[in-house]
Amino acid sequence: MMKVMIIIMLAVMITIIIMIMCTVISKSSIYDREKMSPFECGFNPMNSARMPFSVQFFLIAVLFLIFDIEIAIILPIIITMKWTMTSMWIMIIMSFVIILTMGLYYEWKNGMLEWY
């Protein structure tokens, strides 16, 4: 019981020391305006907020999210291959990839991926 109390006290002391060190170190950089300003898509945040925004940034971000979610969906399906029928598994994966490929082709044909 005594060892547990010592470990808990040690953990609390280390936590307090780290918090004090962080506040002391951060005091020197509080007044730096560049570091305290938010960073928004490569634009200078000190200018007007009504500057025109390129839709291409948004479209590329959406494409990235779609294909990122694709990987997150396909990886668990690969793990379940042992317990499912192979023909059904192949049909599901192929239909998923075909739908994504058709969407990418549609965006490409409509010129959404071109930078003017």
PDB file of N, CA and C in Angstrom:
ATOM      1  N   MET A   1       0.823  -1.200   0.000  1.00  0.00           N
ATOM      2  CA  MET A   1       0.000   0.000   0.000  1.00  0.00           C
ATOM      3  C   MET A   1       0.864   1.260   0.000  1.00  0.00           C
ATOM      4  N   MET A   2       1.974   1.169   0.714  1.00  0.00           N
ATOM      5  CA  MET A   2       2.862   2.323   0.807  1.00  0.00           C
ATOM      6  C   MET A   2       3.520   2.611  -0.544  1.00  0.00           C
ATOM      7  N   LYS A   3       3.842   1.557  -1.299  1.00  0.00           N
ATOM      8  CA  LYS A   3       4.470   1.738  -2.616  1.00  0.00           C
ATOM      9  C   LYS A   3       3.515   2.428  -3.580  1.00  0.00           C
ATOM     10  N   VAL A   4       2.245   2.069  -3.501  1.00  0.00           N
ATOM     11  CA  VAL A   4       1.250   2.677  -4.381  1.00  0.00           C
ATOM     12  C   VAL A   4       1.132   4.165  -4.073  1.00  0.00           C
ATOM     13  N   MET A   5       1.113   4.523  -2.810  1.00  0.00           N
ATOM     14  CA  MET A   5       1.025   5.929  -2.417  1.00  0.00           C
ATOM     15  C   MET A   5       2.250   6.713  -2.897  1.00  0.00           C
ATOM     16  N   ILE A   6       3.421   6.104  -2.789  1.00  0.00           N
ATOM     17  CA  ILE A   6       4.649   6.765  -3.238  1.00  0.00           C
ATOM     18  C   ILE A   6       4.609   6.970  -4.748  1.00  0.00           C
ATOM     19  N   ILE A   7       4.158   5.979  -5.481  1.00  0.00           N
ATOM     20  CA  ILE A   7       4.077   6.088  -6.943  1.00  0.00           C
ATOM     21  C   ILE A   7       3.078   7.170  -7.343  1.00  0.00           C
ATOM     22  N   ILE A   8       1.939   7.221  -6.672  1.00  0.00           N
ATOM     23  CA  ILE A   8       0.937   8.246  -6.978  1.00  0.00           C
ATOM     24  C   ILE A   8       1.483   9.634  -6.672  1.00  0.00           C
ATOM     25  N   MET A   9       2.147   9.799  -5.535  1.00  0.00           N
ATOM     26  CA  MET A   9       2.727  11.095  -5.182  1.00  0.00           C
ATOM     27  C   MET A   9       3.803  11.502  -6.182  1.00  0.00           C
ATOM     28  N   LEU A  10       4.615  10.541  -6.600  1.00  0.00           N
ATOM     29  CA  LEU A  10       5.659  10.823  -7.580  1.00  0.00           C
ATOM     30  C   LEU A  10       5.051  11.256  -8.918  1.00  0.00           C
ATOM     31  N   ALA A  11       3.991  10.573  -9.333  1.00  0.00           N
ATOM     32  CA  ALA A  11       3.328  10.928 -10.581  1.00  0.00           C
ATOM     33  C   ALA A  11       2.722  12.326 -10.507  1.00  0.00           C
ATOM     34  N   VAL A  12       2.118  12.668  -9.383  1.00  0.00           N
ATOM     35  CA  VAL A  12       1.536  13.997  -9.209  1.00  0.00           C
ATOM     36  C   VAL A  12       2.622  15.062  -9.210  1.00  0.00           C
ATOM     37  N   MET A  13       3.721  14.802  -8.543  1.00  0.00           N
ATOM     38  CA  MET A  13       4.824  15.764  -8.500  1.00  0.00           C
ATOM     39  C   MET A  13       5.418  15.990  -9.888  1.00  0.00           C
ATOM     40  N   ILE A  14       5.619  14.923 -10.650  1.00  0.00           N
ATOM     41  CA  ILE A  14       6.165  15.052 -12.003  1.00  0.00           C
ATOM     42  C   ILE A  14       5.195  15.851 -12.878  1.00  0.00           C
ATOM     43  N   THR A  15       3.912  15.591 -12.730  1.00  0.00           N
ATOM     44  CA  THR A  15       2.914  16.318 -13.510  1.00  0.00           C
ATOM     45  C   THR A  15       2.932  17.804 -13.179  1.00  0.00           C
ATOM     46  N   ILE A  16       2.994  18.133 -11.912  1.00  0.00           N
ATOM     47  CA  ILE A  16       3.022  19.543 -11.505  1.00  0.00           C
ATOM     48  C   ILE A  16       4.285  20.224 -11.999  1.00  0.00           C
ATOM     49  N   ILE A  17       5.422  19.551 -11.904  1.00  0.00           N
ATOM     50  CA  ILE A  17       6.686  20.125 -12.370  1.00  0.00           C
ATOM     51  C   ILE A  17       6.623  20.397 -13.874  1.00  0.00           C
ATOM     52  N   ILE A  18       6.093  19.461 -14.646  1.00  0.00           N
ATOM     53  CA  ILE A  18       5.989  19.652 -16.096  1.00  0.00           C
ATOM     54  C   ILE A  18       5.034  20.799 -16.429  1.00  0.00           C
ATOM     55  N   MET A  19       3.921  20.916 -15.700  1.00  0.00           N
ATOM     56  CA  MET A  19       2.981  22.017 -15.944  1.00  0.00           C
ATOM     57  C   MET A  19       3.625  23.362 -15.625  1.00  0.00           C
ATOM     58  N   ILE A  20       4.386  23.440 -14.546  1.00  0.00           N
ATOM     59  CA  ILE A  20       5.070  24.690 -14.196  1.00  0.00           C
ATOM     60  C   ILE A  20       6.115  25.037 -15.251  1.00  0.00           C
ATOM     61  N   MET A  21       6.861  24.041 -15.706  1.00  0.00           N
ATOM     62  CA  MET A  21       7.863  24.298 -16.737  1.00  0.00           C
ATOM     63  C   MET A  21       7.211  24.798 -18.023  1.00  0.00           C
ATOM     64  N   CYS A  22       6.075  24.244 -18.390  1.00  0.00           N
ATOM     65  CA  CYS A  22       5.377  24.681 -19.611  1.00  0.00           C
ATOM     66  C   CYS A  22       4.909  26.123 -19.500  1.00  0.00           C
ATOM     67  N   THR A  23       4.374  26.507 -18.352  1.00  0.00           N
ATOM     68  CA  THR A  23       3.913  27.883 -18.205  1.00  0.00           C
ATOM     69  C   THR A  23       5.083  28.860 -18.205  1.00  0.00           C
ATOM     70  N   VAL A  24       6.204  28.488 -17.620  1.00  0.00           N
ATOM     71  CA  VAL A  24       7.370  29.371 -17.598  1.00  0.00           C
ATOM     72  C   VAL A  24       7.941  29.530 -19.007  1.00  0.00           C
ATOM     73  N   ILE A  25       8.027  28.445 -19.740  1.00  0.00           N
ATOM     74  CA  ILE A  25       8.577  28.497 -21.091  1.00  0.00           C
ATOM     75  C   ILE A  25       7.647  29.254 -22.034  1.00  0.00           C
ATOM     76  N   SER A  26       6.346  29.093 -21.874  1.00  0.00           N
ATOM     77  CA  SER A  26       5.403  29.717 -22.799  1.00  0.00           C
ATOM     78  C   SER A  26       5.251  31.214 -22.566  1.00  0.00           C
ATOM     79  N   LYS A  27       5.662  31.732 -21.440  1.00  0.00           N
ATOM     80  CA  LYS A  27       5.537  33.171 -21.167  1.00  0.00           C
ATOM     81  C   LYS A  27       6.327  34.005 -22.167  1.00  0.00           C
ATOM     82  N   SER A  28       7.441  33.486 -22.660  1.00  0.00           N
ATOM     83  CA  SER A  28       8.262  34.271 -23.575  1.00  0.00           C
ATOM     84  C   SER A  28       7.648  34.395 -24.964  1.00  0.00           C
ATOM     85  N   SER A  29       6.786  33.477 -25.361  1.00  0.00           N
ATOM     86  CA  SER A  29       6.247  33.520 -26.718  1.00  0.00           C
ATOM     87  C   SER A  29       4.802  34.003 -26.779  1.00  0.00           C
ATOM     88  N   ILE A  30       4.219  34.431 -25.673  1.00  0.00           N
ATOM     89  CA  ILE A  30       2.817  34.874 -25.685  1.00  0.00           C
ATOM     90  C   ILE A  30       2.647  36.140 -26.514  1.00  0.00           C
ATOM     91  N   TYR A  31       3.626  37.008 -26.507  1.00  0.00           N
ATOM     92  CA  TYR A  31       3.476  38.304 -27.141  1.00  0.00           C
ATOM     93  C   TYR A  31       3.858  38.308 -28.622  1.00  0.00           C
ATOM     94  N   ASP A  32       4.225  37.181 -29.183  1.00  0.00           N
ATOM     95  CA  ASP A  32       4.579  37.107 -30.591  1.00  0.00           C
ATOM     96  C   ASP A  32       3.293  36.994 -31.417  1.00  0.00           C
ATOM     97  N   ARG A  33       2.980  38.028 -32.186  1.00  0.00           N
ATOM     98  CA  ARG A  33       1.718  38.079 -32.925  1.00  0.00           C
ATOM     99  C   ARG A  33       1.632  37.020 -34.014  1.00  0.00           C
ATOM    100  N   GLU A  34       2.745  36.735 -34.680  1.00  0.00           N
ATOM    101  CA  GLU A  34       2.734  35.737 -35.755  1.00  0.00           C
ATOM    102  C   GLU A  34       2.444  34.344 -35.211  1.00  0.00           C
ATOM    103  N   LYS A  35       2.986  34.027 -34.057  1.00  0.00           N
ATOM    104  CA  LYS A  35       2.766  32.692 -33.499  1.00  0.00           C
ATOM    105  C   LYS A  35       1.371  32.537 -32.914  1.00  0.00           C
ATOM    106  N   MET A  36       0.772  33.611 -32.471  1.00  0.00           N
ATOM    107  CA  MET A  36      -0.545  33.537 -31.847  1.00  0.00           C
ATOM    108  C   MET A  36      -1.678  33.594 -32.856  1.00  0.00           C
ATOM    109  N   SER A  37      -1.388  33.927 -34.108  1.00  0.00           N
ATOM    110  CA  SER A  37      -2.437  34.017 -35.111  1.00  0.00           C
ATOM    111  C   SER A  37      -2.716  32.639 -35.701  1.00  0.00           C
ATOM    112  N   PRO A  38      -3.972  32.384 -36.076  1.00  0.00           N
ATOM    113  CA  PRO A  38      -4.288  31.088 -36.685  1.00  0.00           C
ATOM    114  C   PRO A  38      -3.727  30.992 -38.094  1.00  0.00           C
ATOM    115  N   PHE A  39      -3.378  29.786 -38.497  1.00  0.00           N
ATOM    116  CA  PHE A  39      -2.852  29.561 -39.843  1.00  0.00           C
ATOM    117  C   PHE A  39      -3.957  28.948 -40.686  1.00  0.00           C
ATOM    118  N   GLU A  40      -4.360  29.638 -41.737  1.00  0.00           N
ATOM    119  CA  GLU A  40      -5.486  29.206 -42.550  1.00  0.00           C
ATOM    120  C   GLU A  40      -5.073  28.985 -43.995  1.00  0.00           C
ATOM    121  N   CYS A  41      -4.854  27.797 -44.415  1.00  0.00           N
ATOM    122  CA  CYS A  41      -4.666  27.406 -45.814  1.00  0.00           C
ATOM    123  C   CYS A  41      -3.599  28.205 -46.558  1.00  0.00           C
ATOM    124  N   GLY A  42      -2.578  28.634 -45.905  1.00  0.00           N
ATOM    125  CA  GLY A  42      -1.513  29.340 -46.579  1.00  0.00           C
ATOM    126  C   GLY A  42      -1.764  30.814 -46.792  1.00  0.00           C
ATOM    127  N   PHE A  43      -2.914  31.315 -46.380  1.00  0.00           N
ATOM    128  CA  PHE A  43      -3.208  32.731 -46.522  1.00  0.00           C
ATOM    129  C   PHE A  43      -2.703  33.492 -45.310  1.00  0.00           C
ATOM    130  N   ASN A  44      -2.330  34.727 -45.512  1.00  0.00           N
ATOM    131  CA  ASN A  44      -1.877  35.578 -44.422  1.00  0.00           C
ATOM    132  C   ASN A  44      -3.078  35.973 -43.572  1.00  0.00           C
ATOM    133  N   PRO A  45      -3.139  35.575 -42.303  1.00  0.00           N
ATOM    134  CA  PRO A  45      -4.320  35.874 -41.486  1.00  0.00           C
ATOM    135  C   PRO A  45      -4.409  37.332 -41.061  1.00  0.00           C
ATOM    136  N   MET A  46      -3.378  38.129 -41.339  1.00  0.00           N
ATOM    137  CA  MET A  46      -3.408  39.538 -40.943  1.00  0.00           C
ATOM    138  C   MET A  46      -4.179  40.387 -41.948  1.00  0.00           C
ATOM    139  N   ASN A  47      -4.481  39.834 -43.122  1.00  0.00           N
ATOM    140  CA  ASN A  47      -5.232  40.563 -44.138  1.00  0.00           C
ATOM    141  C   ASN A  47      -6.732  40.416 -43.907  1.00  0.00           C
ATOM    142  N   SER A  48      -7.509  40.961 -44.810  1.00  0.00           N
ATOM    143  CA  SER A  48      -8.960  40.889 -44.722  1.00  0.00           C
ATOM    144  C   SER A  48      -9.433  39.441 -44.841  1.00  0.00           C
ATOM    145  N   ALA A  49     -10.497  39.131 -44.135  1.00  0.00           N
ATOM    146  CA  ALA A  49     -11.055  37.774 -44.173  1.00  0.00           C
ATOM    147  C   ALA A  49     -11.936  37.563 -45.392  1.00  0.00           C
ATOM    148  N   ARG A  50     -12.198  38.582 -46.160  1.00  0.00           N
ATOM    149  CA  ARG A  50     -13.084  38.494 -47.320  1.00  0.00           C
ATOM    150  C   ARG A  50     -12.334  38.277 -48.624  1.00  0.00           C
ATOM    151  N   MET A  51     -11.133  37.755 -48.562  1.00  0.00           N
ATOM    152  CA  MET A  51     -10.384  37.470 -49.790  1.00  0.00           C
ATOM    153  C   MET A  51     -11.020  36.279 -50.503  1.00  0.00           C
ATOM    154  N   PRO A  52     -10.972  36.243 -51.832  1.00  0.00           N
ATOM    155  CA  PRO A  52     -11.543  35.100 -52.553  1.00  0.00           C
ATOM    156  C   PRO A  52     -10.773  33.821 -52.222  1.00  0.00           C
ATOM    157  N   PHE A  53     -11.500  32.731 -52.055  1.00  0.00           N
ATOM    158  CA  PHE A  53     -10.919  31.442 -51.714  1.00  0.00           C
ATOM    159  C   PHE A  53     -11.042  30.514 -52.908  1.00  0.00           C
ATOM    160  N   SER A  54      -9.959  29.852 -53.248  1.00  0.00           N
ATOM    161  CA  SER A  54      -9.967  28.938 -54.379  1.00  0.00           C
ATOM    162  C   SER A  54     -10.720  27.658 -54.017  1.00  0.00           C
ATOM    163  N   VAL A  55     -11.659  27.293 -54.856  1.00  0.00           N
ATOM    164  CA  VAL A  55     -12.445  26.092 -54.627  1.00  0.00           C
ATOM    165  C   VAL A  55     -11.592  24.839 -54.838  1.00  0.00           C
ATOM    166  N   GLN A  56     -10.487  24.969 -55.568  1.00  0.00           N
ATOM    167  CA  GLN A  56      -9.616  23.821 -55.827  1.00  0.00           C
ATOM    168  C   GLN A  56      -9.056  23.247 -54.521  1.00  0.00           C
ATOM    169  N   PHE A  57      -8.735  24.114 -53.551  1.00  0.00           N
ATOM    170  CA  PHE A  57      -8.268  23.625 -52.260  1.00  0.00           C
ATOM    171  C   PHE A  57      -9.320  22.727 -51.629  1.00  0.00           C
ATOM    172  N   PHE A  58     -10.556  23.185 -51.684  1.00  0.00           N
ATOM    173  CA  PHE A  58     -11.654  22.427 -51.106  1.00  0.00           C
ATOM    174  C   PHE A  58     -11.852  21.088 -51.816  1.00  0.00           C
ATOM    175  N   LEU A  59     -11.810  21.091 -53.137  1.00  0.00           N
ATOM    176  CA  LEU A  59     -12.033  19.855 -53.896  1.00  0.00           C
ATOM    177  C   LEU A  59     -10.928  18.831 -53.637  1.00  0.00           C
ATOM    178  N   ILE A  60      -9.684  19.282 -53.574  1.00  0.00           N
ATOM    179  CA  ILE A  60      -8.589  18.358 -53.296  1.00  0.00           C
ATOM    180  C   ILE A  60      -8.714  17.799 -51.888  1.00  0.00           C
ATOM    181  N   ALA A  61      -9.139  18.629 -50.940  1.00  0.00           N
ATOM    182  CA  ALA A  61      -9.336  18.144 -49.571  1.00  0.00           C
ATOM    183  C   ALA A  61     -10.445  17.099 -49.511  1.00  0.00           C
ATOM    184  N   VAL A  62     -11.508  17.319 -50.247  1.00  0.00           N
ATOM    185  CA  VAL A  62     -12.607  16.343 -50.275  1.00  0.00           C
ATOM    186  C   VAL A  62     -12.134  15.034 -50.908  1.00  0.00           C
ATOM    187  N   LEU A  63     -11.366  15.131 -51.996  1.00  0.00           N
ATOM    188  CA  LEU A  63     -10.829  13.911 -52.617  1.00  0.00           C
ATOM    189  C   LEU A  63      -9.936  13.147 -51.648  1.00  0.00           C
ATOM    190  N   PHE A  64      -9.095  13.880 -50.943  1.00  0.00           N
ATOM    191  CA  PHE A  64      -8.230  13.232 -49.964  1.00  0.00           C
ATOM    192  C   PHE A  64      -9.059  12.515 -48.904  1.00  0.00           C
ATOM    193  N   LEU A  65     -10.102  13.164 -48.404  1.00  0.00           N
ATOM    194  CA  LEU A  65     -10.946  12.534 -47.383  1.00  0.00           C
ATOM    195  C   LEU A  65     -11.654  11.298 -47.923  1.00  0.00           C
ATOM    196  N   ILE A  66     -12.123  11.371 -49.154  1.00  0.00           N
ATOM    197  CA  ILE A  66     -12.823  10.218 -49.735  1.00  0.00           C
ATOM    198  C   ILE A  66     -11.889   9.017 -49.826  1.00  0.00           C
ATOM    199  N   PHE A  67     -10.673   9.230 -50.342  1.00  0.00           N
ATOM    200  CA  PHE A  67      -9.770   8.099 -50.494  1.00  0.00           C
ATOM    201  C   PHE A  67      -9.168   7.670 -49.160  1.00  0.00           C
ATOM    202  N   ASP A  68      -9.102   8.576 -48.215  1.00  0.00           N
ATOM    203  CA  ASP A  68      -8.655   8.206 -46.876  1.00  0.00           C
ATOM    204  C   ASP A  68      -9.699   7.312 -46.209  1.00  0.00           C
ATOM    205  N   ILE A  69     -10.965   7.656 -46.371  1.00  0.00           N
ATOM    206  CA  ILE A  69     -12.039   6.829 -45.812  1.00  0.00           C
ATOM    207  C   ILE A  69     -12.109   5.493 -46.537  1.00  0.00           C
ATOM    208  N   GLU A  70     -11.788   5.501 -47.829  1.00  0.00           N
ATOM    209  CA  GLU A  70     -11.759   4.236 -48.576  1.00  0.00           C
ATOM    210  C   GLU A  70     -10.779   3.261 -47.933  1.00  0.00           C
ATOM    211  N   ILE A  71      -9.609   3.737 -47.586  1.00  0.00           N
ATOM    212  CA  ILE A  71      -8.618   2.859 -46.954  1.00  0.00           C
ATOM    213  C   ILE A  71      -9.119   2.386 -45.599  1.00  0.00           C
ATOM    214  N   ALA A  72      -9.756   3.276 -44.854  1.00  0.00           N
ATOM    215  CA  ALA A  72     -10.277   2.894 -43.542  1.00  0.00           C
ATOM    216  C   ALA A  72     -11.399   1.863 -43.654  1.00  0.00           C
ATOM    217  N   ILE A  73     -12.109   1.840 -44.766  1.00  0.00           N
ATOM    218  CA  ILE A  73     -13.181   0.852 -44.952  1.00  0.00           C
ATOM    219  C   ILE A  73     -12.618  -0.456 -45.509  1.00  0.00           C
ATOM    220  N   ILE A  74     -11.664  -0.376 -46.425  1.00  0.00           N
ATOM    221  CA  ILE A  74     -11.147  -1.592 -47.055  1.00  0.00           C
ATOM    222  C   ILE A  74     -10.286  -2.421 -46.098  1.00  0.00           C
ATOM    223  N   LEU A  75      -9.508  -1.799 -45.242  1.00  0.00           N
ATOM    224  CA  LEU A  75      -8.630  -2.569 -44.355  1.00  0.00           C
ATOM    225  C   LEU A  75      -9.377  -3.551 -43.448  1.00  0.00           C
ATOM    226  N   PRO A  76     -10.459  -3.151 -42.777  1.00  0.00           N
ATOM    227  CA  PRO A  76     -11.183  -4.158 -41.986  1.00  0.00           C
ATOM    228  C   PRO A  76     -11.818  -5.246 -42.842  1.00  0.00           C
ATOM    229  N   ILE A  77     -12.190  -4.900 -44.070  1.00  0.00           N
ATOM    230  CA  ILE A  77     -12.780  -5.913 -44.948  1.00  0.00           C
ATOM    231  C   ILE A  77     -11.739  -6.974 -45.286  1.00  0.00           C
ATOM    232  N   ILE A  78     -10.493  -6.581 -45.436  1.00  0.00           N
ATOM    233  CA  ILE A  78      -9.422  -7.539 -45.725  1.00  0.00           C
ATOM    234  C   ILE A  78      -9.259  -8.508 -44.566  1.00  0.00           C
ATOM    235  N   ILE A  79      -9.384  -8.014 -43.349  1.00  0.00           N
ATOM    236  CA  ILE A  79      -9.248  -8.885 -42.173  1.00  0.00           C
ATOM    237  C   ILE A  79     -10.379  -9.906 -42.128  1.00  0.00           C
ATOM    238  N   THR A  80     -11.580  -9.536 -42.570  1.00  0.00           N
ATOM    239  CA  THR A  80     -12.725 -10.451 -42.513  1.00  0.00           C
ATOM    240  C   THR A  80     -12.736 -11.460 -43.653  1.00  0.00           C
ATOM    241  N   MET A  81     -11.737 -11.439 -44.513  1.00  0.00           N
ATOM    242  CA  MET A  81     -11.713 -12.354 -45.654  1.00  0.00           C
ATOM    243  C   MET A  81     -11.702 -13.817 -45.218  1.00  0.00           C
ATOM    244  N   LYS A  82     -11.128 -14.108 -44.061  1.00  0.00           N
ATOM    245  CA  LYS A  82     -11.070 -15.494 -43.580  1.00  0.00           C
ATOM    246  C   LYS A  82     -12.463 -16.069 -43.300  1.00  0.00           C
ATOM    247  N   TRP A  83     -13.367 -15.227 -42.838  1.00  0.00           N
ATOM    248  CA  TRP A  83     -14.654 -15.722 -42.365  1.00  0.00           C
ATOM    249  C   TRP A  83     -15.780 -15.562 -43.375  1.00  0.00           C
ATOM    250  N   THR A  84     -15.530 -14.966 -44.522  1.00  0.00           N
ATOM    251  CA  THR A  84     -16.596 -14.774 -45.508  1.00  0.00           C
ATOM    252  C   THR A  84     -16.321 -15.605 -46.755  1.00  0.00           C
ATOM    253  N   MET A  85     -17.346 -15.693 -47.591  1.00  0.00           N
ATOM    254  CA  MET A  85     -17.171 -16.394 -48.856  1.00  0.00           C
ATOM    255  C   MET A  85     -16.328 -15.531 -49.787  1.00  0.00           C
ATOM    256  N   THR A  86     -15.416 -16.156 -50.491  1.00  0.00           N
ATOM    257  CA  THR A  86     -14.482 -15.413 -51.335  1.00  0.00           C
ATOM    258  C   THR A  86     -15.191 -14.684 -52.467  1.00  0.00           C
ATOM    259  N   SER A  87     -16.163 -15.317 -53.085  1.00  0.00           N
ATOM    260  CA  SER A  87     -16.848 -14.666 -54.204  1.00  0.00           C
ATOM    261  C   SER A  87     -17.624 -13.429 -53.736  1.00  0.00           C
ATOM    262  N   MET A  88     -18.273 -13.521 -52.586  1.00  0.00           N
ATOM    263  CA  MET A  88     -19.010 -12.375 -52.051  1.00  0.00           C
ATOM    264  C   MET A  88     -18.040 -11.261 -51.658  1.00  0.00           C
ATOM    265  N   TRP A  89     -16.930 -11.633 -51.066  1.00  0.00           N
ATOM    266  CA  TRP A  89     -15.919 -10.665 -50.642  1.00  0.00           C
ATOM    267  C   TRP A  89     -15.368  -9.912 -51.852  1.00  0.00           C
ATOM    268  N   ILE A  90     -15.059 -10.639 -52.935  1.00  0.00           N
ATOM    269  CA  ILE A  90     -14.521 -10.012 -54.140  1.00  0.00           C
ATOM    270  C   ILE A  90     -15.557  -9.077 -54.768  1.00  0.00           C
ATOM    271  N   MET A  91     -16.826  -9.473 -54.776  1.00  0.00           N
ATOM    272  CA  MET A  91     -17.870  -8.616 -55.345  1.00  0.00           C
ATOM    273  C   MET A  91     -18.007  -7.320 -54.555  1.00  0.00           C
ATOM    274  N   ILE A  92     -17.951  -7.404 -53.238  1.00  0.00           N
ATOM    275  CA  ILE A  92     -18.085  -6.199 -52.409  1.00  0.00           C
ATOM    276  C   ILE A  92     -16.917  -5.255 -52.643  1.00  0.00           C
ATOM    277  N   ILE A  93     -15.700  -5.791 -52.611  1.00  0.00           N
ATOM    278  CA  ILE A  93     -14.512  -4.952 -52.814  1.00  0.00           C
ATOM    279  C   ILE A  93     -14.514  -4.342 -54.217  1.00  0.00           C
ATOM    280  N   MET A  94     -14.811  -5.137 -55.216  1.00  0.00           N
ATOM    281  CA  MET A  94     -14.795  -4.629 -56.591  1.00  0.00           C
ATOM    282  C   MET A  94     -15.862  -3.559 -56.806  1.00  0.00           C
ATOM    283  N   SER A  95     -17.057  -3.753 -56.250  1.00  0.00           N
ATOM    284  CA  SER A  95     -18.097  -2.732 -56.411  1.00  0.00           C
ATOM    285  C   SER A  95     -17.693  -1.444 -55.700  1.00  0.00           C
ATOM    286  N   PHE A  96     -17.074  -1.542 -54.550  1.00  0.00           N
ATOM    287  CA  PHE A  96     -16.612  -0.365 -53.822  1.00  0.00           C
ATOM    288  C   PHE A  96     -15.549   0.387 -54.609  1.00  0.00           C
ATOM    289  N   VAL A  97     -14.575  -0.328 -55.141  1.00  0.00           N
ATOM    290  CA  VAL A  97     -13.500   0.301 -55.908  1.00  0.00           C
ATOM    291  C   VAL A  97     -14.028   0.868 -57.224  1.00  0.00           C
ATOM    292  N   ILE A  98     -14.973   0.182 -57.866  1.00  0.00           N
ATOM    293  CA  ILE A  98     -15.545   0.684 -59.127  1.00  0.00           C
ATOM    294  C   ILE A  98     -16.316   1.975 -58.888  1.00  0.00           C
ATOM    295  N   ILE A  99     -17.080   2.050 -57.805  1.00  0.00           N
ATOM    296  CA  ILE A  99     -17.820   3.282 -57.503  1.00  0.00           C
ATOM    297  C   ILE A  99     -16.849   4.432 -57.263  1.00  0.00           C
ATOM    298  N   LEU A 100     -15.769   4.185 -56.530  1.00  0.00           N
ATOM    299  CA  LEU A 100     -14.780   5.236 -56.302  1.00  0.00           C
ATOM    300  C   LEU A 100     -14.080   5.649 -57.590  1.00  0.00           C
ATOM    301  N   THR A 101     -13.759   4.691 -58.431  1.00  0.00           N
ATOM    302  CA  THR A 101     -13.102   5.000 -59.702  1.00  0.00           C
ATOM    303  C   THR A 101     -14.032   5.795 -60.609  1.00  0.00           C
ATOM    304  N   MET A 102     -15.309   5.451 -60.631  1.00  0.00           N
ATOM    305  CA  MET A 102     -16.262   6.213 -61.431  1.00  0.00           C
ATOM    306  C   MET A 102     -16.385   7.647 -60.929  1.00  0.00           C
ATOM    307  N   GLY A 103     -16.375   7.834 -59.629  1.00  0.00           N
ATOM    308  CA  GLY A 103     -16.426   9.183 -59.066  1.00  0.00           C
ATOM    309  C   GLY A 103     -15.192   9.994 -59.421  1.00  0.00           C
ATOM    310  N   LEU A 104     -14.030   9.355 -59.367  1.00  0.00           N
ATOM    311  CA  LEU A 104     -12.793  10.040 -59.734  1.00  0.00           C
ATOM    312  C   LEU A 104     -12.792  10.391 -61.220  1.00  0.00           C
ATOM    313  N   TYR A 105     -13.268   9.484 -62.055  1.00  0.00           N
ATOM    314  CA  TYR A 105     -13.359   9.744 -63.493  1.00  0.00           C
ATOM    315  C   TYR A 105     -14.323  10.905 -63.773  1.00  0.00           C
ATOM    316  N   TYR A 106     -15.454  10.936 -63.071  1.00  0.00           N
ATOM    317  CA  TYR A 106     -16.433  12.008 -63.233  1.00  0.00           C
ATOM    318  C   TYR A 106     -15.811  13.365 -62.881  1.00  0.00           C
ATOM    319  N   GLU A 107     -15.081  13.420 -61.774  1.00  0.00           N
ATOM    320  CA  GLU A 107     -14.436  14.670 -61.385  1.00  0.00           C
ATOM    321  C   GLU A 107     -13.351  15.072 -62.389  1.00  0.00           C
ATOM    322  N   TRP A 108     -12.651  14.104 -62.903  1.00  0.00           N
ATOM    323  CA  TRP A 108     -11.599  14.386 -63.871  1.00  0.00           C
ATOM    324  C   TRP A 108     -12.187  14.924 -65.175  1.00  0.00           C
ATOM    325  N   LYS A 109     -13.268  14.296 -65.653  1.00  0.00           N
ATOM    326  CA  LYS A 109     -13.892  14.717 -66.909  1.00  0.00           C
ATOM    327  C   LYS A 109     -14.536  16.094 -66.793  1.00  0.00           C
ATOM    328  N   ASN A 110     -15.031  16.462 -65.626  1.00  0.00           N
ATOM    329  CA  ASN A 110     -15.639  17.779 -65.441  1.00  0.00           C
ATOM    330  C   ASN A 110     -14.607  18.863 -65.156  1.00  0.00           C
ATOM    331  N   GLY A 111     -13.339  18.507 -65.144  1.00  0.00           N
ATOM    332  CA  GLY A 111     -12.280  19.498 -64.971  1.00  0.00           C
ATOM    333  C   GLY A 111     -12.093  19.963 -63.539  1.00  0.00           C
ATOM    334  N   MET A 112     -12.568  19.191 -62.583  1.00  0.00           N
ATOM    335  CA  MET A 112     -12.429  19.595 -61.199  1.00  0.00           C
ATOM    336  C   MET A 112     -11.009  19.428 -60.663  1.00  0.00           C
ATOM    337  N   LEU A 113     -10.214  18.642 -61.342  1.00  0.00           N
ATOM    338  CA  LEU A 113      -8.857  18.378 -60.863  1.00  0.00           C
ATOM    339  C   LEU A 113      -7.809  19.237 -61.559  1.00  0.00           C
ATOM    340  N   GLU A 114      -8.238  20.093 -62.481  1.00  0.00           N
ATOM    341  CA  GLU A 114      -7.298  20.926 -63.220  1.00  0.00           C
ATOM    342  C   GLU A 114      -7.085  22.250 -62.512  1.00  0.00           C
ATOM    343  N   TRP A 115      -5.835  22.716 -62.474  1.00  0.00           N
ATOM    344  CA  TRP A 115      -5.485  23.994 -61.875  1.00  0.00           C
ATOM    345  C   TRP A 115      -5.347  25.022 -62.988  1.00  0.00           C
ATOM    346  N   TYR A 116      -6.135  26.045 -62.935  1.00  0.00           N
ATOM    347  CA  TYR A 116      -6.107  27.084 -63.956  1.00  0.00           C
ATOM    348  C   TYR A 116      -5.128  28.157 -63.580  1.00  0.00           C
TER     349      TYR A 116
END
